[in-house]
Amino acid sequence: MELALILVVIVVALAFDYTNGFHDAANAIATSVSTRALSPRAALIMAAAMNMVGAFLGTEVASTVGKGIISAPEGSAGLAVVLAALLGAIAWNLVTWWFGMPSSSSHALIGGLVGAALASAGTVQWAGVLEKVVIPMVVSPIVGFALAGLVMIALLWVFKDGRPQRVTRGFRHAQTVSAAAMALGHGLQDAQKTMGVIVLALVVGGYHQGFDIPWWVIVLSAGALSAGTAAGGWRIMRTLGRRIIDLDPPRGFAAEATASAVLYTTAFAFAAPISTTQTITSSILGVGATKRLSAVRWNVAGNIVVAWVLTLPMAALMAALAYWALHGLLV
């Protein structure tokens, strides 16, 4: 029974990873596609490949997700918690994808874990949630916004005497590199979250000791994320690439370079599972504000912020409902 349930959890975790891929594909490529630096097809292929590579660069974030958010009971009860968390996260991903809102798959998963744990009267490690989730959730968009603005101001000063057509053409080529860096950061951050959940299921099911990530978990998680990314997320891509601000190649490059730097820093230095969505969106807002404040469609930005704020509690609620539905069947 428990082995079969573990297999179900793994399949659902990979389904979440797939939805993460098409939900967050826009994170890596929306700016490059909107500025015509890359064609949509080329951008998706590049993003999927770099997602795969990024997934193999570290496991620190996976360990945070696996052991730093909740303490699940052993056996079927713990597996029900993990399964409910995944179902809640998938449900919220699909809702926000349908409405084209770039919410955070990372925070949906964290919210799902917390909601399922609370519904099961389990233990939430609130210190870990505060340190690794809430504080980075608040700080990373602020850093992304401010740093992207500073990078853009620096670029405007350095290239102030350059010929506009030549500068635009050069940054369009540079965006190929910055988009690849962003996709690599997405793979580094987001594939690890699924790895952590799968290992958590293996631990509570009694099939794994400790929270080291087995190689096959890395391969499966990387593959599912890359497949989802290749499927694309056109609804959200339109929001990020066109509805917030009309991006040009220099601003697209500045936003992607800044966002990828924030993703690498938080993953390697702090093992914090931050939102790639929040990071790139705030960076886009930062570079847009250097053009003029009115260039940013703040009403669209406000709707995105609402989705960010709702993600943790709504994913938690959906996971709690899923747990109560599963409890009678599995526990």
C-alpha atoms as a PDB file:
ATOM      1  CA  MET A   1       0.000   0.000   0.000  1.00  0.00           C
ATOM      2  CA  GLU A   2       2.685   2.499   0.997  1.00  0.00           C
ATOM      3  CA  LEU A   3       4.884   1.672  -1.987  1.00  0.00           C
ATOM      4  CA  ALA A   4       1.960   2.231  -4.336  1.00  0.00           C
ATOM      5  CA  LEU A   5       1.188   5.518  -2.574  1.00  0.00           C
ATOM      6  CA  ILE A   6       4.816   6.617  -2.890  1.00  0.00           C
ATOM      7  CA  LEU A   7       4.665   5.942  -6.625  1.00  0.00           C
ATOM      8  CA  VAL A   8       1.467   8.005  -6.856  1.00  0.00           C
ATOM      9  CA  VAL A   9       3.137  10.863  -4.972  1.00  0.00           C
ATOM     10  CA  ILE A  10       6.140  10.752  -7.311  1.00  0.00           C
ATOM     11  CA  VAL A  11       3.903  10.843 -10.392  1.00  0.00           C
ATOM     12  CA  VAL A  12       1.898  13.768  -8.989  1.00  0.00           C
ATOM     13  CA  ALA A  13       5.137  15.550  -8.013  1.00  0.00           C
ATOM     14  CA  LEU A  14       6.358  15.238 -11.586  1.00  0.00           C
ATOM     15  CA  ALA A  15       2.970  16.507 -12.796  1.00  0.00           C
ATOM     16  CA  PHE A  16       3.467  19.547 -10.552  1.00  0.00           C
ATOM     17  CA  ASP A  17       6.961  19.954 -11.995  1.00  0.00           C
ATOM     18  CA  TYR A  18       5.470  19.860 -15.490  1.00  0.00           C
ATOM     19  CA  THR A  19       2.898  22.539 -14.615  1.00  0.00           C
ATOM     20  CA  ASN A  20       5.731  24.541 -13.072  1.00  0.00           C
ATOM     21  CA  GLY A  21       7.534  24.339 -16.410  1.00  0.00           C
ATOM     22  CA  PHE A  22       4.712  25.630 -18.605  1.00  0.00           C
ATOM     23  CA  HIS A  23       3.489  28.016 -15.911  1.00  0.00           C
ATOM     24  CA  ASP A  24       6.933  29.574 -15.443  1.00  0.00           C
ATOM     25  CA  ALA A  25       8.336  29.207 -18.960  1.00  0.00           C
ATOM     26  CA  ALA A  26       7.547  32.879 -19.414  1.00  0.00           C
ATOM     27  CA  ASN A  27      10.008  33.728 -16.634  1.00  0.00           C
ATOM     28  CA  ALA A  28      12.953  32.836 -18.799  1.00  0.00           C
ATOM     29  CA  ILE A  29      11.868  33.843 -22.270  1.00  0.00           C
ATOM     30  CA  ALA A  30       9.060  36.412 -22.238  1.00  0.00           C
ATOM     31  CA  THR A  31      11.388  39.405 -22.423  1.00  0.00           C
ATOM     32  CA  SER A  32      13.514  37.889 -25.203  1.00  0.00           C
ATOM     33  CA  VAL A  33      10.467  36.947 -27.256  1.00  0.00           C
ATOM     34  CA  SER A  34       8.758  40.320 -26.752  1.00  0.00           C
ATOM     35  CA  THR A  35      11.857  42.198 -27.927  1.00  0.00           C
ATOM     36  CA  ARG A  36      12.284  39.761 -30.855  1.00  0.00           C
ATOM     37  CA  ALA A  37      15.716  38.752 -29.660  1.00  0.00           C
ATOM     38  CA  LEU A  38      14.579  35.129 -30.015  1.00  0.00           C
ATOM     39  CA  SER A  39      11.745  33.456 -31.854  1.00  0.00           C
ATOM     40  CA  PRO A  40       9.222  31.732 -29.583  1.00  0.00           C
ATOM     41  CA  ARG A  41      10.268  28.276 -30.783  1.00  0.00           C
ATOM     42  CA  ALA A  42      13.994  28.926 -30.363  1.00  0.00           C
ATOM     43  CA  ALA A  43      13.395  30.505 -26.960  1.00  0.00           C
ATOM     44  CA  LEU A  44      11.396  27.520 -25.698  1.00  0.00           C
ATOM     45  CA  ILE A  45      13.986  25.011 -26.897  1.00  0.00           C
ATOM     46  CA  MET A  46      16.796  27.013 -25.298  1.00  0.00           C
ATOM     47  CA  ALA A  47      14.860  27.442 -22.041  1.00  0.00           C
ATOM     48  CA  ALA A  48      14.040  23.731 -21.816  1.00  0.00           C
ATOM     49  CA  ALA A  49      17.687  22.786 -22.381  1.00  0.00           C
ATOM     50  CA  MET A  50      18.991  25.273 -19.813  1.00  0.00           C
ATOM     51  CA  ASN A  51      16.328  24.174 -17.303  1.00  0.00           C
ATOM     52  CA  MET A  52      17.727  20.660 -17.613  1.00  0.00           C
ATOM     53  CA  VAL A  53      21.298  21.836 -17.051  1.00  0.00           C
ATOM     54  CA  GLY A  54      20.333  24.076 -14.133  1.00  0.00           C
ATOM     55  CA  ALA A  55      18.663  21.198 -12.322  1.00  0.00           C
ATOM     56  CA  PHE A  56      22.036  19.471 -11.946  1.00  0.00           C
ATOM     57  CA  LEU A  57      23.872  22.454 -10.442  1.00  0.00           C
ATOM     58  CA  GLY A  58      22.908  21.993  -6.786  1.00  0.00           C
ATOM     59  CA  THR A  59      20.594  20.471  -4.194  1.00  0.00           C
ATOM     60  CA  GLU A  60      20.664  23.043  -1.374  1.00  0.00           C
ATOM     61  CA  VAL A  61      17.175  24.369  -2.160  1.00  0.00           C
ATOM     62  CA  ALA A  62      15.851  20.804  -2.382  1.00  0.00           C
ATOM     63  CA  SER A  63      17.077  20.105   1.141  1.00  0.00           C
ATOM     64  CA  THR A  64      15.339  23.251   2.405  1.00  0.00           C
ATOM     65  CA  VAL A  65      12.024  22.173   0.869  1.00  0.00           C
ATOM     66  CA  GLY A  66      12.391  18.570   1.992  1.00  0.00           C
ATOM     67  CA  LYS A  67      13.260  19.112   5.628  1.00  0.00           C
ATOM     68  CA  GLY A  68      12.957  22.827   6.440  1.00  0.00           C
ATOM     69  CA  ILE A  69       9.249  23.583   5.937  1.00  0.00           C
ATOM     70  CA  ILE A  70       7.194  20.828   7.615  1.00  0.00           C
ATOM     71  CA  SER A  71       7.737  17.677   9.655  1.00  0.00           C
ATOM     72  CA  ALA A  72       5.457  15.007   8.211  1.00  0.00           C
ATOM     73  CA  PRO A  73       4.552  11.815  10.107  1.00  0.00           C
ATOM     74  CA  GLU A  74       5.801   8.497   8.810  1.00  0.00           C
ATOM     75  CA  GLY A  75       3.713   6.101   6.780  1.00  0.00           C
ATOM     76  CA  SER A  76       0.448   6.684   4.940  1.00  0.00           C
ATOM     77  CA  ALA A  77      -0.429   9.752   7.031  1.00  0.00           C
ATOM     78  CA  GLY A  78       2.741  11.551   5.953  1.00  0.00           C
ATOM     79  CA  LEU A  79       2.310  10.527   2.326  1.00  0.00           C
ATOM     80  CA  ALA A  80      -1.242  11.888   2.387  1.00  0.00           C
ATOM     81  CA  VAL A  81       0.153  15.230   3.569  1.00  0.00           C
ATOM     82  CA  VAL A  82       2.701  15.359   0.730  1.00  0.00           C
ATOM     83  CA  LEU A  83       0.140  14.299  -1.875  1.00  0.00           C
ATOM     84  CA  ALA A  84      -2.379  16.900  -0.684  1.00  0.00           C
ATOM     85  CA  ALA A  85       0.318  19.589  -0.786  1.00  0.00           C
ATOM     86  CA  LEU A  86       1.092  18.761  -4.395  1.00  0.00           C
ATOM     87  CA  LEU A  87      -2.572  18.697  -5.416  1.00  0.00           C
ATOM     88  CA  GLY A  88      -3.138  22.094  -3.804  1.00  0.00           C
ATOM     89  CA  ALA A  89      -0.110  23.573  -5.583  1.00  0.00           C
ATOM     90  CA  ILE A  90      -1.157  22.140  -8.951  1.00  0.00           C
ATOM     91  CA  ALA A  91      -4.698  23.466  -8.518  1.00  0.00           C
ATOM     92  CA  TRP A  92      -3.476  27.000  -7.812  1.00  0.00           C
ATOM     93  CA  ASN A  93      -0.974  26.840 -10.687  1.00  0.00           C
ATOM     94  CA  LEU A  94      -3.773  25.939 -13.084  1.00  0.00           C
ATOM     95  CA  VAL A  95      -6.073  28.690 -11.798  1.00  0.00           C
ATOM     96  CA  THR A  96      -3.439  31.409 -12.182  1.00  0.00           C
ATOM     97  CA  TRP A  97      -2.282  30.031 -15.540  1.00  0.00           C
ATOM     98  CA  TRP A  98      -5.850  30.150 -16.842  1.00  0.00           C
ATOM     99  CA  PHE A  99      -6.121  33.829 -15.951  1.00  0.00           C
ATOM    100  CA  GLY A 100      -2.633  34.589 -17.258  1.00  0.00           C
ATOM    101  CA  MET A 101      -1.324  35.716 -13.879  1.00  0.00           C
ATOM    102  CA  PRO A 102       2.397  35.093 -13.195  1.00  0.00           C
ATOM    103  CA  SER A 103       2.062  33.765  -9.663  1.00  0.00           C
ATOM    104  CA  SER A 104       4.770  31.749  -7.946  1.00  0.00           C
ATOM    105  CA  SER A 105       4.851  27.963  -8.353  1.00  0.00           C
ATOM    106  CA  SER A 106       7.400  27.914  -5.550  1.00  0.00           C
ATOM    107  CA  HIS A 107       5.099  29.651  -3.112  1.00  0.00           C
ATOM    108  CA  ALA A 108       2.195  27.503  -4.271  1.00  0.00           C
ATOM    109  CA  LEU A 109       4.195  24.435  -3.256  1.00  0.00           C
ATOM    110  CA  ILE A 110       5.244  25.944   0.075  1.00  0.00           C
ATOM    111  CA  GLY A 111       1.667  27.018   0.756  1.00  0.00           C
ATOM    112  CA  GLY A 112       0.488  23.534  -0.129  1.00  0.00           C
ATOM    113  CA  LEU A 113       2.920  21.935   2.315  1.00  0.00           C
ATOM    114  CA  VAL A 114       1.888  24.290   5.119  1.00  0.00           C
ATOM    115  CA  GLY A 115      -1.838  23.895   4.437  1.00  0.00           C
ATOM    116  CA  ALA A 116      -1.691  20.107   4.302  1.00  0.00           C
ATOM    117  CA  ALA A 117       0.397  19.983   7.476  1.00  0.00           C
ATOM    118  CA  LEU A 118      -2.035  22.224   9.351  1.00  0.00           C
ATOM    119  CA  ALA A 119      -5.032  20.197   8.127  1.00  0.00           C
ATOM    120  CA  SER A 120      -3.405  17.012   9.409  1.00  0.00           C
ATOM    121  CA  ALA A 121      -2.511  18.603  12.767  1.00  0.00           C
ATOM    122  CA  GLY A 122       1.111  18.148  11.754  1.00  0.00           C
ATOM    123  CA  THR A 123       4.133  20.308  12.494  1.00  0.00           C
ATOM    124  CA  VAL A 124       4.983  23.397  10.483  1.00  0.00           C
ATOM    125  CA  GLN A 125       8.517  24.659  11.014  1.00  0.00           C
ATOM    126  CA  TRP A 126       7.534  28.294  11.237  1.00  0.00           C
ATOM    127  CA  ALA A 127      11.096  29.486  11.788  1.00  0.00           C
ATOM    128  CA  GLY A 128      12.096  27.855   8.490  1.00  0.00           C
ATOM    129  CA  VAL A 129       9.060  29.280   6.711  1.00  0.00           C
ATOM    130  CA  LEU A 130       9.884  32.765   7.974  1.00  0.00           C
ATOM    131  CA  GLU A 131      13.621  32.599   7.274  1.00  0.00           C
ATOM    132  CA  LYS A 132      13.604  30.700   3.986  1.00  0.00           C
ATOM    133  CA  VAL A 133      10.270  31.714   2.461  1.00  0.00           C
ATOM    134  CA  VAL A 134       8.603  34.828   3.882  1.00  0.00           C
ATOM    135  CA  ILE A 135      11.684  37.041   4.242  1.00  0.00           C
ATOM    136  CA  PRO A 136      13.069  36.123   0.777  1.00  0.00           C
ATOM    137  CA  MET A 137       9.544  36.551  -0.652  1.00  0.00           C
ATOM    138  CA  VAL A 138       9.542  40.157   0.533  1.00  0.00           C
ATOM    139  CA  VAL A 139      13.207  40.994  -0.026  1.00  0.00           C
ATOM    140  CA  SER A 140      13.887  39.411  -3.432  1.00  0.00           C
ATOM    141  CA  PRO A 141      11.355  41.532  -5.419  1.00  0.00           C
ATOM    142  CA  ILE A 142      12.639  44.696  -3.747  1.00  0.00           C
ATOM    143  CA  VAL A 143      16.225  43.757  -4.592  1.00  0.00           C
ATOM    144  CA  GLY A 144      15.208  42.796  -8.134  1.00  0.00           C
ATOM    145  CA  PHE A 145      13.394  46.094  -8.684  1.00  0.00           C
ATOM    146  CA  ALA A 146      16.162  48.297  -7.265  1.00  0.00           C
ATOM    147  CA  LEU A 147      19.085  46.395  -8.783  1.00  0.00           C
ATOM    148  CA  ALA A 148      17.482  46.202 -12.233  1.00  0.00           C
ATOM    149  CA  GLY A 149      16.869  49.944 -12.145  1.00  0.00           C
ATOM    150  CA  LEU A 150      20.498  50.599 -11.227  1.00  0.00           C
ATOM    151  CA  VAL A 151      21.775  48.254 -13.941  1.00  0.00           C
ATOM    152  CA  MET A 152      19.563  49.981 -16.499  1.00  0.00           C
ATOM    153  CA  ILE A 153      20.727  53.440 -15.428  1.00  0.00           C
ATOM    154  CA  ALA A 154      24.342  52.267 -15.763  1.00  0.00           C
ATOM    155  CA  LEU A 155      23.675  50.905 -19.260  1.00  0.00           C
ATOM    156  CA  LEU A 156      21.983  54.137 -20.314  1.00  0.00           C
ATOM    157  CA  TRP A 157      25.017  56.105 -19.145  1.00  0.00           C
ATOM    158  CA  VAL A 158      27.590  53.785 -20.758  1.00  0.00           C
ATOM    159  CA  PHE A 159      25.808  53.712 -24.134  1.00  0.00           C
ATOM    160  CA  LYS A 160      24.448  57.279 -24.143  1.00  0.00           C
ATOM    161  CA  ASP A 161      26.564  58.216 -27.159  1.00  0.00           C
ATOM    162  CA  GLY A 162      25.988  54.985 -29.069  1.00  0.00           C
ATOM    163  CA  ARG A 163      23.991  54.763 -32.277  1.00  0.00           C
ATOM    164  CA  PRO A 164      20.487  53.578 -31.284  1.00  0.00           C
ATOM    165  CA  GLN A 165      20.175  50.967 -34.027  1.00  0.00           C
ATOM    166  CA  ARG A 166      23.597  49.520 -33.301  1.00  0.00           C
ATOM    167  CA  VAL A 167      22.997  49.464 -29.554  1.00  0.00           C
ATOM    168  CA  THR A 168      19.615  47.796 -29.995  1.00  0.00           C
ATOM    169  CA  ARG A 169      21.083  45.177 -32.310  1.00  0.00           C
ATOM    170  CA  GLY A 170      23.911  44.448 -29.881  1.00  0.00           C
ATOM    171  CA  PHE A 171      21.589  44.022 -26.911  1.00  0.00           C
ATOM    172  CA  ARG A 172      19.302  41.810 -28.944  1.00  0.00           C
ATOM    173  CA  HIS A 173      22.248  39.431 -29.345  1.00  0.00           C
ATOM    174  CA  ALA A 174      23.188  39.843 -25.678  1.00  0.00           C
ATOM    175  CA  GLN A 175      19.666  38.822 -24.687  1.00  0.00           C
ATOM    176  CA  THR A 176      20.362  35.349 -25.999  1.00  0.00           C
ATOM    177  CA  VAL A 177      22.930  35.006 -23.212  1.00  0.00           C
ATOM    178  CA  SER A 178      20.832  36.697 -20.518  1.00  0.00           C
ATOM    179  CA  ALA A 179      17.771  34.582 -21.384  1.00  0.00           C
ATOM    180  CA  ALA A 180      19.908  31.437 -21.167  1.00  0.00           C
ATOM    181  CA  ALA A 181      21.194  32.580 -17.769  1.00  0.00           C
ATOM    182  CA  MET A 182      17.620  33.165 -16.610  1.00  0.00           C
ATOM    183  CA  ALA A 183      16.540  29.712 -17.784  1.00  0.00           C
ATOM    184  CA  LEU A 184      19.529  28.173 -16.017  1.00  0.00           C
ATOM    185  CA  GLY A 185      18.492  29.926 -12.797  1.00  0.00           C
ATOM    186  CA  HIS A 186      14.930  28.702 -13.235  1.00  0.00           C
ATOM    187  CA  GLY A 187      16.169  25.118 -13.506  1.00  0.00           C
ATOM    188  CA  LEU A 188      18.482  25.601 -10.527  1.00  0.00           C
ATOM    189  CA  GLN A 189      15.667  26.915  -8.328  1.00  0.00           C
ATOM    190  CA  ASP A 190      12.471  25.231  -9.455  1.00  0.00           C
ATOM    191  CA  ALA A 191      13.546  21.672 -10.272  1.00  0.00           C
ATOM    192  CA  GLN A 192      15.040  21.409  -6.797  1.00  0.00           C
ATOM    193  CA  LYS A 193      11.686  22.090  -5.155  1.00  0.00           C
ATOM    194  CA  THR A 194      10.201  18.992  -6.756  1.00  0.00           C
ATOM    195  CA  MET A 195      13.291  17.001  -5.801  1.00  0.00           C
ATOM    196  CA  GLY A 196      12.799  18.011  -2.183  1.00  0.00           C
ATOM    197  CA  VAL A 197       9.156  16.911  -2.156  1.00  0.00           C
ATOM    198  CA  ILE A 198       9.946  13.529  -3.736  1.00  0.00           C
ATOM    199  CA  VAL A 199      12.684  12.869  -1.178  1.00  0.00           C
ATOM    200  CA  LEU A 200      10.312  13.934   1.616  1.00  0.00           C
ATOM    201  CA  ALA A 201       7.835  11.308   0.359  1.00  0.00           C
ATOM    202  CA  LEU A 202      10.565   8.665   0.241  1.00  0.00           C
ATOM    203  CA  VAL A 203      11.650   9.501   3.798  1.00  0.00           C
ATOM    204  CA  VAL A 204       8.171   9.419   5.346  1.00  0.00           C
ATOM    205  CA  GLY A 205       7.436   6.231   3.396  1.00  0.00           C
ATOM    206  CA  GLY A 206      10.516   4.558   4.839  1.00  0.00           C
ATOM    207  CA  TYR A 207      12.362   4.132   1.549  1.00  0.00           C
ATOM    208  CA  HIS A 208      15.149   6.678   2.079  1.00  0.00           C
ATOM    209  CA  GLN A 209      17.354   7.872   4.924  1.00  0.00           C
ATOM    210  CA  GLY A 210      18.382  11.507   5.231  1.00  0.00           C
ATOM    211  CA  PHE A 211      17.727  14.195   2.668  1.00  0.00           C
ATOM    212  CA  ASP A 212      20.491  13.592   0.135  1.00  0.00           C
ATOM    213  CA  ILE A 213      18.985  13.709  -3.359  1.00  0.00           C
ATOM    214  CA  PRO A 214      19.314  10.434  -5.357  1.00  0.00           C
ATOM    215  CA  TRP A 215      20.511  10.829  -8.930  1.00  0.00           C
ATOM    216  CA  TRP A 216      17.305   9.398 -10.400  1.00  0.00           C
ATOM    217  CA  VAL A 217      15.219  12.021  -8.570  1.00  0.00           C
ATOM    218  CA  ILE A 218      17.358  14.758 -10.152  1.00  0.00           C
ATOM    219  CA  VAL A 219      16.939  13.234 -13.613  1.00  0.00           C
ATOM    220  CA  LEU A 220      13.157  12.838 -13.319  1.00  0.00           C
ATOM    221  CA  SER A 221      12.655  16.337 -11.885  1.00  0.00           C
ATOM    222  CA  ALA A 222      14.852  17.957 -14.513  1.00  0.00           C
ATOM    223  CA  GLY A 223      13.092  16.085 -17.299  1.00  0.00           C
ATOM    224  CA  ALA A 224       9.574  16.988 -16.135  1.00  0.00           C
ATOM    225  CA  LEU A 225      10.456  20.669 -15.723  1.00  0.00           C
ATOM    226  CA  SER A 226      12.098  20.798 -19.145  1.00  0.00           C
ATOM    227  CA  ALA A 227       9.124  19.069 -20.785  1.00  0.00           C
ATOM    228  CA  GLY A 228       6.740  21.553 -19.206  1.00  0.00           C
ATOM    229  CA  THR A 229       8.891  24.469 -20.305  1.00  0.00           C
ATOM    230  CA  ALA A 230       8.967  23.154 -23.859  1.00  0.00           C
ATOM    231  CA  ALA A 231       5.157  23.066 -23.807  1.00  0.00           C
ATOM    232  CA  GLY A 232       5.195  26.822 -23.230  1.00  0.00           C
ATOM    233  CA  GLY A 233       3.080  29.175 -21.189  1.00  0.00           C
ATOM    234  CA  TRP A 234       1.731  31.657 -23.685  1.00  0.00           C
ATOM    235  CA  ARG A 235      -0.960  33.219 -21.483  1.00  0.00           C
ATOM    236  CA  ILE A 236       1.558  34.265 -18.824  1.00  0.00           C
ATOM    237  CA  MET A 237       4.163  35.150 -21.440  1.00  0.00           C
ATOM    238  CA  ARG A 238       1.867  37.818 -22.853  1.00  0.00           C
ATOM    239  CA  THR A 239       1.472  39.343 -19.386  1.00  0.00           C
ATOM    240  CA  LEU A 240       5.194  39.478 -18.628  1.00  0.00           C
ATOM    241  CA  GLY A 241       6.387  40.386 -22.110  1.00  0.00           C
ATOM    242  CA  ARG A 242       3.794  42.898 -23.230  1.00  0.00           C
ATOM    243  CA  ARG A 243       1.230  43.964 -20.675  1.00  0.00           C
ATOM    244  CA  ILE A 244       3.543  45.335 -17.950  1.00  0.00           C
ATOM    245  CA  ILE A 245       5.698  47.500 -20.212  1.00  0.00           C
ATOM    246  CA  ASP A 246       6.770  47.678 -23.849  1.00  0.00           C
ATOM    247  CA  LEU A 247      10.287  46.319 -23.503  1.00  0.00           C
ATOM    248  CA  ASP A 248      13.253  47.084 -25.751  1.00  0.00           C
ATOM    249  CA  PRO A 249      16.388  44.868 -25.946  1.00  0.00           C
ATOM    250  CA  PRO A 250      18.557  46.882 -23.490  1.00  0.00           C
ATOM    251  CA  ARG A 251      15.820  46.781 -20.844  1.00  0.00           C
ATOM    252  CA  GLY A 252      15.115  43.118 -21.550  1.00  0.00           C
ATOM    253  CA  PHE A 253      18.810  42.316 -21.081  1.00  0.00           C
ATOM    254  CA  ALA A 254      19.022  44.317 -17.842  1.00  0.00           C
ATOM    255  CA  ALA A 255      15.934  42.600 -16.404  1.00  0.00           C
ATOM    256  CA  GLU A 256      17.113  39.081 -17.280  1.00  0.00           C
ATOM    257  CA  ALA A 257      20.687  39.640 -16.102  1.00  0.00           C
ATOM    258  CA  THR A 258      19.491  41.044 -12.782  1.00  0.00           C
ATOM    259  CA  ALA A 259      16.910  38.336 -12.170  1.00  0.00           C
ATOM    260  CA  SER A 260      19.340  35.524 -12.916  1.00  0.00           C
ATOM    261  CA  ALA A 261      21.928  37.029 -10.553  1.00  0.00           C
ATOM    262  CA  VAL A 262      19.349  37.128  -7.751  1.00  0.00           C
ATOM    263  CA  LEU A 263      18.346  33.501  -8.435  1.00  0.00           C
ATOM    264  CA  TYR A 264      21.939  32.256  -8.286  1.00  0.00           C
ATOM    265  CA  THR A 265      22.753  34.208  -5.138  1.00  0.00           C
ATOM    266  CA  THR A 266      19.744  33.001  -3.176  1.00  0.00           C
ATOM    267  CA  ALA A 267      20.197  29.379  -4.270  1.00  0.00           C
ATOM    268  CA  PHE A 268      23.916  29.048  -3.575  1.00  0.00           C
ATOM    269  CA  ALA A 269      24.394  31.487  -0.698  1.00  0.00           C
ATOM    270  CA  PHE A 270      21.123  31.096   1.229  1.00  0.00           C
ATOM    271  CA  ALA A 271      19.502  27.840  -0.037  1.00  0.00           C
ATOM    272  CA  ALA A 272      16.264  29.848  -0.194  1.00  0.00           C
ATOM    273  CA  PRO A 273      13.464  28.669  -2.529  1.00  0.00           C
ATOM    274  CA  ILE A 274      12.591  32.078  -3.977  1.00  0.00           C
ATOM    275  CA  SER A 275      10.108  32.761  -6.741  1.00  0.00           C
ATOM    276  CA  THR A 276      11.533  33.073 -10.243  1.00  0.00           C
ATOM    277  CA  THR A 277       8.248  34.745 -11.197  1.00  0.00           C
ATOM    278  CA  GLN A 278       8.534  37.476  -8.591  1.00  0.00           C
ATOM    279  CA  THR A 279      12.196  38.010  -9.381  1.00  0.00           C
ATOM    280  CA  ILE A 280      11.835  38.552 -13.131  1.00  0.00           C
ATOM    281  CA  THR A 281       8.594  40.538 -12.776  1.00  0.00           C
ATOM    282  CA  SER A 282      10.091  42.940 -10.258  1.00  0.00           C
ATOM    283  CA  SER A 283      13.165  43.292 -12.479  1.00  0.00           C
ATOM    284  CA  ILE A 284      10.946  44.182 -15.445  1.00  0.00           C
ATOM    285  CA  LEU A 285       9.207  46.781 -13.290  1.00  0.00           C
ATOM    286  CA  GLY A 286      12.599  48.154 -12.231  1.00  0.00           C
ATOM    287  CA  VAL A 287      13.906  48.652 -15.756  1.00  0.00           C
ATOM    288  CA  GLY A 288      10.546  50.026 -16.864  1.00  0.00           C
ATOM    289  CA  ALA A 289      10.555  52.664 -14.153  1.00  0.00           C
ATOM    290  CA  THR A 290      13.833  54.096 -15.525  1.00  0.00           C
ATOM    291  CA  LYS A 291      12.035  54.965 -18.745  1.00  0.00           C
ATOM    292  CA  ARG A 292       9.337  56.902 -16.931  1.00  0.00           C
ATOM    293  CA  LEU A 293       6.933  55.884 -14.210  1.00  0.00           C
ATOM    294  CA  SER A 294       3.968  56.175 -16.543  1.00  0.00           C
ATOM    295  CA  ALA A 295       5.580  53.662 -18.921  1.00  0.00           C
ATOM    296  CA  VAL A 296       4.752  50.893 -16.459  1.00  0.00           C
ATOM    297  CA  ARG A 297       1.166  49.700 -16.496  1.00  0.00           C
ATOM    298  CA  TRP A 298       0.800  49.800 -12.741  1.00  0.00           C
ATOM    299  CA  ASN A 299      -2.727  48.404 -12.803  1.00  0.00           C
ATOM    300  CA  VAL A 300      -1.379  45.199 -14.346  1.00  0.00           C
ATOM    301  CA  ALA A 301       1.466  45.197 -11.821  1.00  0.00           C
ATOM    302  CA  GLY A 302      -1.081  45.626  -9.034  1.00  0.00           C
ATOM    303  CA  ASN A 303      -3.035  42.579 -10.237  1.00  0.00           C
ATOM    304  CA  ILE A 304       0.185  40.572 -10.240  1.00  0.00           C
ATOM    305  CA  VAL A 305       0.957  41.628  -6.678  1.00  0.00           C
ATOM    306  CA  VAL A 306      -2.521  40.499  -5.628  1.00  0.00           C
ATOM    307  CA  ALA A 307      -1.804  37.079  -7.142  1.00  0.00           C
ATOM    308  CA  TRP A 308       1.502  36.950  -5.247  1.00  0.00           C
ATOM    309  CA  VAL A 309      -0.193  37.765  -1.944  1.00  0.00           C
ATOM    310  CA  LEU A 310      -2.963  35.225  -2.491  1.00  0.00           C
ATOM    311  CA  THR A 311      -0.709  32.358  -3.567  1.00  0.00           C
ATOM    312  CA  LEU A 312       0.442  31.114  -0.149  1.00  0.00           C
ATOM    313  CA  PRO A 313      -2.969  31.170   1.580  1.00  0.00           C
ATOM    314  CA  MET A 314      -4.955  29.937  -1.435  1.00  0.00           C
ATOM    315  CA  ALA A 315      -2.594  27.056  -2.165  1.00  0.00           C
ATOM    316  CA  ALA A 316      -2.682  26.221   1.548  1.00  0.00           C
ATOM    317  CA  LEU A 317      -6.494  26.200   1.519  1.00  0.00           C
ATOM    318  CA  MET A 318      -6.631  23.992  -1.579  1.00  0.00           C
ATOM    319  CA  ALA A 319      -4.110  21.597  -0.042  1.00  0.00           C
ATOM    320  CA  ALA A 320      -6.089  21.451   3.201  1.00  0.00           C
ATOM    321  CA  LEU A 321      -9.246  20.599   1.254  1.00  0.00           C
ATOM    322  CA  ALA A 322      -7.333  17.944  -0.660  1.00  0.00           C
ATOM    323  CA  TYR A 323      -6.026  16.459   2.588  1.00  0.00           C
ATOM    324  CA  TRP A 324      -9.485  16.240   4.127  1.00  0.00           C
ATOM    325  CA  ALA A 325     -10.727  14.527   0.958  1.00  0.00           C
ATOM    326  CA  LEU A 326      -7.805  12.068   0.961  1.00  0.00           C
ATOM    327  CA  HIS A 327      -7.742  11.403   4.684  1.00  0.00           C
ATOM    328  CA  GLY A 328     -10.625   8.973   4.739  1.00  0.00           C
ATOM    329  CA  LEU A 329      -9.230   7.063   1.749  1.00  0.00           C
ATOM    330  CA  LEU A 330      -5.554   6.787   2.688  1.00  0.00           C
ATOM    331  CA  VAL A 331      -5.200   7.095   6.451  1.00  0.00           C
END
